[in-house]
Structures are given as structure tokens and as C-alpha cells.
N, C-alpha and C. Protein backbone atom coordinates (compact mmCIF):
# COMPACT_ATOMS: atom_id res chain seq x y z
N UNK A 1 0.87 -5.71 -15.05
CA UNK A 1 -0.03 -5.65 -13.90
C UNK A 1 0.75 -5.61 -12.60
N UNK A 2 1.86 -6.32 -12.55
CA UNK A 2 2.68 -6.33 -11.35
C UNK A 2 3.22 -4.95 -11.00
N UNK A 3 3.70 -4.25 -12.02
CA UNK A 3 4.30 -2.94 -11.75
C UNK A 3 3.24 -1.95 -11.26
N UNK A 4 2.02 -2.09 -11.73
CA UNK A 4 0.94 -1.21 -11.26
C UNK A 4 0.66 -1.47 -9.78
N UNK A 5 0.66 -2.73 -9.37
CA UNK A 5 0.44 -3.05 -7.96
C UNK A 5 1.55 -2.48 -7.09
N UNK A 6 2.79 -2.55 -7.57
CA UNK A 6 3.90 -1.99 -6.80
C UNK A 6 3.82 -0.47 -6.72
N UNK A 7 3.43 0.17 -7.79
CA UNK A 7 3.29 1.62 -7.79
C UNK A 7 2.20 2.03 -6.82
N UNK A 8 1.07 1.33 -6.85
CA UNK A 8 -0.04 1.62 -5.93
C UNK A 8 0.42 1.41 -4.49
N UNK A 9 1.14 0.32 -4.24
CA UNK A 9 1.61 0.03 -2.89
C UNK A 9 2.55 1.12 -2.39
N UNK A 10 3.46 1.57 -3.23
CA UNK A 10 4.41 2.61 -2.83
C UNK A 10 3.68 3.91 -2.54
N UNK A 11 2.72 4.25 -3.40
CA UNK A 11 1.94 5.49 -3.18
C UNK A 11 1.17 5.41 -1.87
N UNK A 12 0.57 4.25 -1.59
CA UNK A 12 -0.19 4.10 -0.35
C UNK A 12 0.71 4.15 0.87
N UNK A 13 1.89 3.55 0.79
CA UNK A 13 2.81 3.59 1.92
C UNK A 13 3.29 5.02 2.17
N UNK A 14 3.60 5.74 1.11
CA UNK A 14 4.02 7.14 1.26
C UNK A 14 2.89 7.97 1.87
N UNK A 15 1.68 7.74 1.41
CA UNK A 15 0.52 8.44 1.98
C UNK A 15 0.35 8.11 3.44
N UNK A 16 0.57 6.84 3.79
CA UNK A 16 0.43 6.43 5.18
C UNK A 16 1.50 7.10 6.05
N UNK A 17 2.72 7.16 5.55
CA UNK A 17 3.80 7.79 6.32
C UNK A 17 3.53 9.27 6.53
N UNK A 18 3.08 9.94 5.49
CA UNK A 18 2.76 11.37 5.61
C UNK A 18 1.62 11.57 6.60
N UNK A 19 0.60 10.76 6.48
CA UNK A 19 -0.56 10.88 7.37
C UNK A 19 -0.24 10.50 8.81
N UNK A 20 0.66 9.54 8.98
CA UNK A 20 1.02 9.12 10.34
C UNK A 20 1.72 10.26 11.08
N UNK A 21 2.48 11.08 10.37
CA UNK A 21 3.15 12.20 11.00
C UNK A 21 2.24 13.40 11.14
N UNK A 22 1.25 13.51 10.29
CA UNK A 22 0.38 14.68 10.33
C UNK A 22 -0.83 14.46 11.26
N UNK A 23 -1.22 13.21 11.50
CA UNK A 23 -2.38 12.87 12.34
C UNK A 23 -3.66 13.57 11.90
N UNK A 24 -3.82 13.77 10.61
CA UNK A 24 -4.98 14.52 10.16
C UNK A 24 -6.12 13.65 9.67
N UNK A 25 -5.86 12.41 9.28
CA UNK A 25 -6.90 11.60 8.67
C UNK A 25 -7.40 10.48 9.57
N UNK A 26 -6.84 10.29 10.73
CA UNK A 26 -7.33 9.31 11.68
C UNK A 26 -7.21 7.88 11.18
N UNK A 27 -8.35 7.16 11.16
CA UNK A 27 -8.37 5.76 10.77
C UNK A 27 -8.06 5.50 9.32
N UNK A 28 -8.20 6.50 8.48
CA UNK A 28 -7.92 6.35 7.05
C UNK A 28 -6.46 5.98 6.81
N UNK A 29 -5.58 6.43 7.67
CA UNK A 29 -4.15 6.16 7.53
C UNK A 29 -3.89 4.66 7.62
N UNK A 30 -4.54 4.00 8.55
CA UNK A 30 -4.32 2.57 8.73
C UNK A 30 -4.95 1.78 7.59
N UNK A 31 -6.03 2.26 7.03
CA UNK A 31 -6.64 1.61 5.87
C UNK A 31 -5.67 1.67 4.69
N UNK A 32 -4.99 2.79 4.50
CA UNK A 32 -4.00 2.92 3.43
C UNK A 32 -2.87 1.92 3.61
N UNK A 33 -2.42 1.74 4.83
CA UNK A 33 -1.35 0.79 5.10
C UNK A 33 -1.80 -0.63 4.78
N UNK A 34 -2.98 -0.99 5.19
CA UNK A 34 -3.51 -2.33 4.93
C UNK A 34 -3.65 -2.56 3.42
N UNK A 35 -4.14 -1.58 2.69
CA UNK A 35 -4.26 -1.70 1.24
C UNK A 35 -2.89 -1.87 0.58
N UNK A 36 -1.91 -1.15 1.06
CA UNK A 36 -0.56 -1.27 0.50
C UNK A 36 0.01 -2.66 0.74
N UNK A 37 -0.18 -3.19 1.93
CA UNK A 37 0.32 -4.53 2.25
C UNK A 37 -0.38 -5.58 1.39
N UNK A 38 -1.70 -5.44 1.22
CA UNK A 38 -2.44 -6.37 0.38
C UNK A 38 -1.93 -6.30 -1.06
N UNK A 39 -1.65 -5.11 -1.57
CA UNK A 39 -1.14 -4.97 -2.92
C UNK A 39 0.21 -5.66 -3.08
N UNK A 40 1.07 -5.50 -2.10
CA UNK A 40 2.37 -6.16 -2.16
C UNK A 40 2.24 -7.67 -2.10
N UNK A 41 1.37 -8.18 -1.24
CA UNK A 41 1.17 -9.62 -1.13
C UNK A 41 0.61 -10.18 -2.43
N UNK A 42 -0.35 -9.50 -3.02
CA UNK A 42 -0.89 -9.95 -4.29
C UNK A 42 0.19 -9.95 -5.38
N UNK A 43 1.06 -8.96 -5.37
CA UNK A 43 2.15 -8.90 -6.33
C UNK A 43 3.10 -10.09 -6.18
N UNK A 44 3.44 -10.43 -4.94
CA UNK A 44 4.32 -11.57 -4.70
C UNK A 44 3.66 -12.87 -5.09
N UNK A 45 2.38 -13.02 -4.78
CA UNK A 45 1.65 -14.25 -5.12
C UNK A 45 1.58 -14.41 -6.64
N UNK A 46 1.24 -13.35 -7.33
CA UNK A 46 1.12 -13.43 -8.79
C UNK A 46 2.46 -13.64 -9.46
N UNK A 47 3.51 -13.08 -8.90
CA UNK A 47 4.84 -13.26 -9.47
C UNK A 47 5.30 -14.71 -9.28
N UNK A 48 4.97 -15.29 -8.17
CA UNK A 48 5.38 -16.66 -7.88
C UNK A 48 4.66 -17.70 -8.71
N UNK A 49 3.42 -17.41 -9.13
CA UNK A 49 2.65 -18.39 -9.88
C UNK A 49 2.86 -18.29 -11.38
N UNK A 50 3.42 -17.17 -11.84
CA UNK A 50 3.59 -17.00 -13.29
C UNK A 50 4.94 -17.53 -13.71
């Protein structure tokens, strides 16, 4: 489960970086960044408790 969260986070960060340079999706770019950060935080929390 942890590796899936990291993969999702990396994909979302890459999407955010591409979108930030393209300026094509507007507010959706920032939503992707927030989702990536949440995925990383959840991964760290779950890793620390197991």
C-alpha cells in the first residue's frame, strides 16, 4: 500500500509540474499538488505506525 501511495504522489507531482509550466488547467494544478502532499503525508504516517 505504501508503494502505491508513493507512485500516486510522484505522478501527481509530475502532473503538477507539467501543468504549472503549461498554465492550461488553472486551479486543477494546485489540487494535484495538494493531493500529492496528502499522499506523501499518509505514507509517512502509515510507515511510522507499522
